[in-house]
Protein backbone atom coordinates (compact mmCIF):
# COMPACT_ATOMS: atom_id res chain seq x y z
CA MET A 1 51.28 70.05 158.71
CA ALA A 2 51.63 66.78 160.63
CA ARG A 3 48.32 65.72 159.19
CA THR A 4 49.49 66.78 155.85
CA ARG A 5 52.66 64.77 156.19
CA ALA A 6 50.69 61.87 157.53
CA GLN A 7 48.39 62.24 154.68
CA SER A 8 51.27 62.47 152.25
CA GLN A 9 52.91 59.48 153.90
CA ALA A 10 49.63 57.61 153.64
CA ALA A 11 49.36 58.67 150.05
CA ALA A 12 52.90 57.50 149.42
CA SER A 13 52.24 54.20 151.12
CA GLU A 14 49.05 53.86 149.11
CA LYS A 15 51.04 54.66 146.03
CA GLY A 16 53.56 52.05 146.99
CA ALA A 17 50.78 49.59 147.67
CA THR A 18 49.25 50.39 144.31
CA SER A 19 52.55 50.08 142.53
CA LYS A 20 53.16 46.64 143.98
CA PRO A 21 50.16 45.11 142.32
CA LYS A 22 51.26 46.83 139.13
CA ALA A 23 54.64 45.24 139.53
CA VAL A 24 52.95 41.90 140.05
CA LYS A 25 50.81 42.50 137.01
CA GLU A 26 53.84 43.36 134.94
CA GLU A 27 55.61 40.24 136.17
CA LYS A 28 52.75 38.01 135.08
CA PRO A 29 53.61 38.25 131.37
CA LYS A 30 57.27 37.67 132.34
CA SER A 31 56.26 34.64 134.30
CA GLN A 32 54.33 33.43 131.26
CA ARG A 33 57.26 33.85 128.90
CA PRO A 34 59.11 30.76 130.12
CA GLU A 35 55.92 28.83 129.34
CA LYS A 36 56.12 30.09 125.72
CA LYS A 37 59.75 29.06 125.39
CA PRO A 38 58.92 25.34 125.25
CA ALA A 39 56.49 26.20 122.45
CA LYS A 40 59.33 27.85 120.58
CA SER A 41 61.54 24.89 121.26
CA ARG A 42 58.85 22.66 119.74
CA THR A 43 58.97 24.57 116.48
CA PRO A 44 62.39 23.28 115.51
CA LYS A 45 61.20 19.79 116.41
CA LYS A 46 58.25 20.20 114.10
CA SER A 47 60.43 21.53 111.30
CA ALA A 48 62.88 18.68 111.90
CA THR A 49 60.03 16.22 111.71
CA GLY A 50 58.81 17.96 108.54
CA LYS A 51 62.29 17.78 107.09
CA ARG A 52 62.51 14.12 107.98
CA ALA A 53 59.13 13.51 106.39
CA HIS A 54 60.35 15.26 103.26
CA GLU A 55 63.48 13.12 103.30
CA GLU A 56 61.36 9.99 103.70
CA VAL A 57 59.22 11.01 100.73
CA GLN A 58 62.38 11.66 98.72
CA GLU A 59 63.79 8.29 99.73
CA SER A 60 60.49 6.66 98.76
CA HIS A 61 60.66 8.32 95.31
CA GLU A 62 64.26 7.20 94.95
CA ASP A 63 63.32 3.63 95.87
CA LYS A 64 60.51 3.69 93.32
CA ALA A 65 62.89 5.11 90.74
CA LYS A 66 65.27 2.23 91.42
CA GLN A 67 62.47 -0.28 91.01
CA GLY A 68 60.97 1.61 88.05
CA PRO A 69 63.17 0.66 85.08
CA THR A 70 61.73 -2.85 84.74
CA LYS A 71 58.18 -1.59 84.50
CA LYS A 72 59.10 1.46 82.48
CA SER A 73 61.19 -0.53 80.03
CA LYS A 74 58.15 -2.67 79.24
CA SER A 75 56.14 0.48 78.69
CA SER A 76 58.84 2.08 76.54
CA GLU A 77 59.25 -1.11 74.52
CA ALA A 78 55.53 -1.12 73.88
CA THR A 79 55.70 2.51 72.78
CA SER A 80 58.71 2.03 70.50
CA ASP A 81 56.99 -0.97 68.95
CA GLY A 82 53.84 1.09 68.54
CA ARG A 83 51.82 -1.38 70.59
CA ALA A 84 48.80 -0.86 72.74
CA HIS A 85 48.19 -3.30 75.57
CA ILE A 86 46.93 -6.52 73.94
CA SER A 87 44.76 -8.63 76.24
CA ASN A 88 44.15 -11.47 73.78
CA PRO A 89 47.25 -13.75 73.86
CA LYS A 90 46.53 -15.08 70.36
CA VAL A 91 46.44 -11.58 68.87
CA GLU A 92 49.65 -10.76 70.77
CA SER A 93 51.33 -13.88 69.37
CA ILE A 94 50.22 -13.09 65.80
CA LEU A 95 51.52 -9.50 66.06
CA SER A 96 54.81 -10.61 67.61
CA LYS A 97 55.46 -13.12 64.84
CA TYR A 98 54.07 -11.46 61.71
CA GLY A 99 53.07 -7.90 62.63
CA VAL A 100 55.13 -5.74 60.28
CA LEU A 101 54.23 -2.74 58.16
CA PRO A 102 53.54 -3.29 54.46
CA LEU A 103 56.67 -2.64 52.36
CA GLN A 104 58.75 -2.40 55.55
CA LYS A 105 61.35 -4.72 54.06
CA SER A 106 61.60 -2.74 50.83
CA LYS A 107 63.82 0.31 50.22
CA LEU A 108 60.86 2.64 50.63
CA PRO A 109 62.28 5.53 52.74
CA ALA A 110 59.25 6.09 54.99
CA PRO A 111 56.73 3.22 54.94
CA ASP A 112 55.09 4.63 58.08
CA GLN A 113 54.68 8.20 56.79
CA PRO A 114 51.74 9.61 54.74
CA LEU A 115 53.92 10.83 51.88
CA PRO A 116 52.89 10.79 48.21
CA GLU A 117 55.78 8.37 47.54
CA THR A 118 54.49 5.97 50.20
CA MET A 119 50.94 6.17 48.87
CA LEU A 120 52.10 5.54 45.30
CA ALA A 121 54.14 2.52 46.40
CA LEU A 122 51.05 1.16 48.15
CA VAL A 123 49.08 1.62 44.93
CA PHE A 124 51.78 -0.45 43.13
CA ASN A 125 51.40 -3.07 45.82
CA ALA A 126 47.60 -3.19 45.46
CA MET A 127 47.81 -3.29 41.66
CA LEU A 128 50.38 -6.09 41.43
CA THR A 129 49.29 -8.31 44.31
CA SER A 130 45.62 -8.27 43.24
CA ALA A 131 46.51 -9.93 39.92
CA ARG A 132 46.35 -13.71 39.50
CA ILE A 133 49.99 -14.26 40.25
CA SER A 134 51.96 -15.61 43.21
CA HIS A 135 52.28 -13.31 46.19
CA GLU A 136 56.07 -13.78 46.24
CA ILE A 137 56.49 -12.65 42.61
CA ALA A 138 54.16 -9.67 43.17
CA ALA A 139 56.07 -8.61 46.32
CA ARG A 140 59.42 -8.94 44.55
CA SER A 141 58.17 -6.89 41.58
CA VAL A 142 56.88 -4.12 43.87
CA SER A 143 60.33 -4.01 45.50
CA CYS A 144 61.92 -3.72 42.03
CA LEU A 145 59.64 -0.78 41.18
CA ILE A 146 60.67 0.93 44.42
CA ASP A 147 64.34 0.14 43.77
CA ALA A 148 63.97 1.80 40.38
CA GLY A 149 62.61 4.89 42.12
CA TYR A 150 59.19 4.71 40.47
CA HIS A 151 57.45 5.60 43.74
CA ASP A 152 58.62 9.12 42.82
CA ILE A 153 55.80 10.28 40.53
CA GLN A 154 58.12 12.38 38.35
CA LYS A 155 60.53 9.50 37.81
CA LEU A 156 57.62 7.21 36.93
CA LYS A 157 56.26 9.83 34.53
CA ASN A 158 59.65 10.21 32.84
CA SER A 159 60.17 6.46 32.45
CA SER A 160 59.55 4.73 29.13
CA TRP A 161 57.23 1.79 28.59
CA GLN A 162 60.29 -0.35 27.80
CA GLU A 163 62.04 0.63 31.04
CA ARG A 164 58.96 -0.22 33.09
CA THR A 165 58.64 -3.57 31.32
CA GLU A 166 62.27 -4.40 32.11
CA VAL A 167 61.81 -3.59 35.80
CA LEU A 168 58.74 -5.82 35.99
CA THR A 169 60.61 -8.61 34.20
CA GLU A 170 63.41 -8.31 36.75
CA GLY A 171 60.85 -8.95 39.49
CA GLY A 172 59.50 -12.01 37.65
CA TYR A 173 56.22 -10.29 36.75
CA THR A 174 56.39 -11.58 33.18
CA HIS A 175 52.81 -12.71 32.62
CA TYR A 176 51.28 -9.23 32.99
CA ARG A 177 54.34 -7.06 32.36
CA GLU A 178 53.21 -5.32 29.14
CA LYS A 179 49.71 -4.57 30.43
CA THR A 180 51.01 -3.47 33.82
CA ALA A 181 53.72 -1.28 32.27
CA THR A 182 50.97 0.53 30.37
CA MET A 183 48.84 0.92 33.49
CA LEU A 184 51.82 2.31 35.39
CA GLY A 185 52.23 4.90 32.66
CA ASP A 186 48.57 5.88 33.03
CA LEU A 187 49.05 6.08 36.78
CA ALA A 188 51.86 8.63 36.40
CA ASP A 189 49.34 11.48 36.14
CA LEU A 190 47.78 10.59 39.49
CA VAL A 191 49.49 12.00 42.56
CA LEU A 192 47.93 11.03 45.88
CA ASP A 193 48.53 14.08 48.05
CA LYS A 194 45.26 14.40 50.04
CA TYR A 195 44.70 12.36 53.16
CA ASP A 196 41.41 13.62 54.60
CA SER A 197 38.82 11.93 52.41
CA SER A 198 36.30 9.35 53.58
CA PRO A 199 36.99 5.64 52.85
CA SER A 200 34.15 5.58 50.29
CA GLN A 201 35.58 8.64 48.45
CA ILE A 202 39.04 7.09 48.45
CA ARG A 203 37.74 3.83 47.01
CA ALA A 204 35.78 5.74 44.35
CA ALA A 205 38.88 7.73 43.37
CA LEU A 206 41.09 4.62 43.23
CA LYS A 207 38.61 2.87 40.95
CA GLU A 208 39.70 5.34 38.27
CA ILE A 209 43.13 3.70 38.25
CA LYS A 210 43.40 1.01 35.61
CA GLY A 211 44.43 -2.31 37.11
CA ILE A 212 42.77 -1.86 40.50
CA GLY A 213 39.48 -3.66 41.07
CA GLU A 214 37.63 -4.53 44.27
CA VAL A 215 40.36 -6.93 45.44
CA GLY A 216 42.99 -4.29 44.78
CA LEU A 217 40.95 -1.72 46.70
CA ASP A 218 40.72 -4.09 49.67
CA ILE A 219 44.48 -4.62 49.58
CA PHE A 220 45.10 -0.89 49.41
CA CYS A 221 42.80 -0.13 52.36
CA ASP A 222 44.43 -2.97 54.30
CA THR A 223 47.95 -1.66 53.78
CA ALA A 224 47.39 2.12 53.64
CA GLN A 225 45.49 2.53 56.92
CA ALA A 226 48.76 2.95 58.85
CA VAL A 227 49.56 6.17 56.95
CA TRP A 228 45.99 7.11 56.05
CA PRO A 229 44.17 6.58 59.39
CA CYS A 230 40.73 7.50 58.06
CA LEU A 231 40.74 4.08 56.33
CA ALA A 232 40.98 2.29 59.69
CA PRO A 233 39.73 -0.04 60.90
CA PHE A 234 39.97 -2.34 57.90
CA ILE A 235 40.80 -5.99 57.29
CA ASP A 236 40.67 -7.58 53.86
CA PRO A 237 37.51 -9.77 53.81
CA ARG A 238 39.66 -12.79 52.90
CA SER A 239 41.95 -12.20 55.88
CA LEU A 240 38.93 -11.55 58.09
CA LYS A 241 37.85 -15.13 57.41
CA THR A 242 41.26 -16.22 58.69
CA ALA A 243 40.73 -14.12 61.83
CA GLN A 244 37.36 -15.76 62.36
CA GLN A 245 38.87 -19.21 61.87
CA LEU A 246 41.28 -18.34 64.66
CA GLY A 247 38.40 -17.16 66.85
CA LEU A 248 39.57 -13.54 66.93
CA GLY A 249 36.19 -11.89 66.37
CA SER A 250 35.01 -9.06 64.14
CA VAL A 251 36.86 -6.07 62.71
CA GLU A 252 35.42 -3.86 65.46
CA GLU A 253 36.52 -6.29 68.19
CA LEU A 254 40.04 -6.41 66.76
CA TRP A 255 40.03 -2.62 66.49
CA GLN A 256 39.24 -2.41 70.20
CA GLU A 257 41.92 -5.04 70.92
CA VAL A 258 44.69 -2.94 69.34
CA GLY A 259 43.54 0.18 71.20
CA LYS A 260 42.03 1.83 68.09
CA ASP A 261 45.55 2.37 66.77
CA ALA A 262 45.61 2.55 62.95
CA LEU A 263 49.29 1.56 62.79
CA MET A 264 48.68 -1.56 64.89
CA MET A 265 45.54 -2.40 62.91
CA CYS A 266 47.62 -2.29 59.74
CA LYS A 267 50.24 -4.59 61.28
CA LEU A 268 47.52 -7.00 62.38
CA ALA A 269 45.92 -6.96 58.92
CA THR A 270 49.33 -7.63 57.35
CA ALA A 271 49.98 -10.46 59.81
CA LEU A 272 46.63 -12.07 59.00
CA THR A 273 47.41 -11.81 55.28
CA THR A 274 50.77 -13.50 55.87
CA ILE A 275 49.07 -16.27 57.84
CA ARG A 276 46.40 -16.70 55.15
CA LEU A 277 48.82 -16.79 52.22
CA GLY A 278 51.28 -19.05 54.04
CA LYS A 279 48.51 -21.31 55.37
CA LYS A 280 49.87 -20.86 58.87
CA THR A 281 46.60 -20.98 60.84
CA SER A 282 47.72 -24.22 62.52
CA GLU A 283 50.40 -22.23 64.38
CA PHE A 284 47.68 -20.43 66.35
CA THR A 285 44.99 -23.08 66.81
């Protein structure tokens, strides 16, 4: 029994000895835990740094936003004016001084919209300004036709020859008033309501209108390209000579210069016409 007790005591001591290492082993993870705590404490630091970085980015955006209006205002002004970036200072100067839409100063409701009324008014313009008469009288007579509401095809159709003659007389278009009044009556059956033809088809169709020859067709293409973009790029051959005198290059070069924008090409063509008719080339040489 003594041996048995001794043995049991030995077994107990062995058990105790065995349990001690186990206790040590179990304590090892506990002893490692404090080492992990600094890692946990770093996490807030990282998130704080991340938050600060986010704040710095936000502050940077806010600073840019404060500085932005000057640059953005230039961009928005260019957009509202319909301008692309113009690299040639002479082209920029011409557009700034004379770059307006055809009939923009008339009472035409939407000179920049492809409406039948706008197209008909542009036909009036081509018909009257292509005649051998002063540009001022032709422009004034076109305005009188628009004031009378004749850009509305039904109103033109319902007008009498006498009424049309009186409107033309009011504009000073006396030399060709009877003939033009008749041609306007013939035009009343033509309503331009398709905008997807090719330039050659458009020219062929317009040739059917009495009173519009090659010069009139050039004027129409010049002025209608803003609302009928398939006509662009176009510059009246006479105005193209003015552009070449000013050293502005070809139609294609000018088309590239205005960013292939039909509205801007129309404004440039109108400006060149104004310069040509007013003999203003010296302003840009």
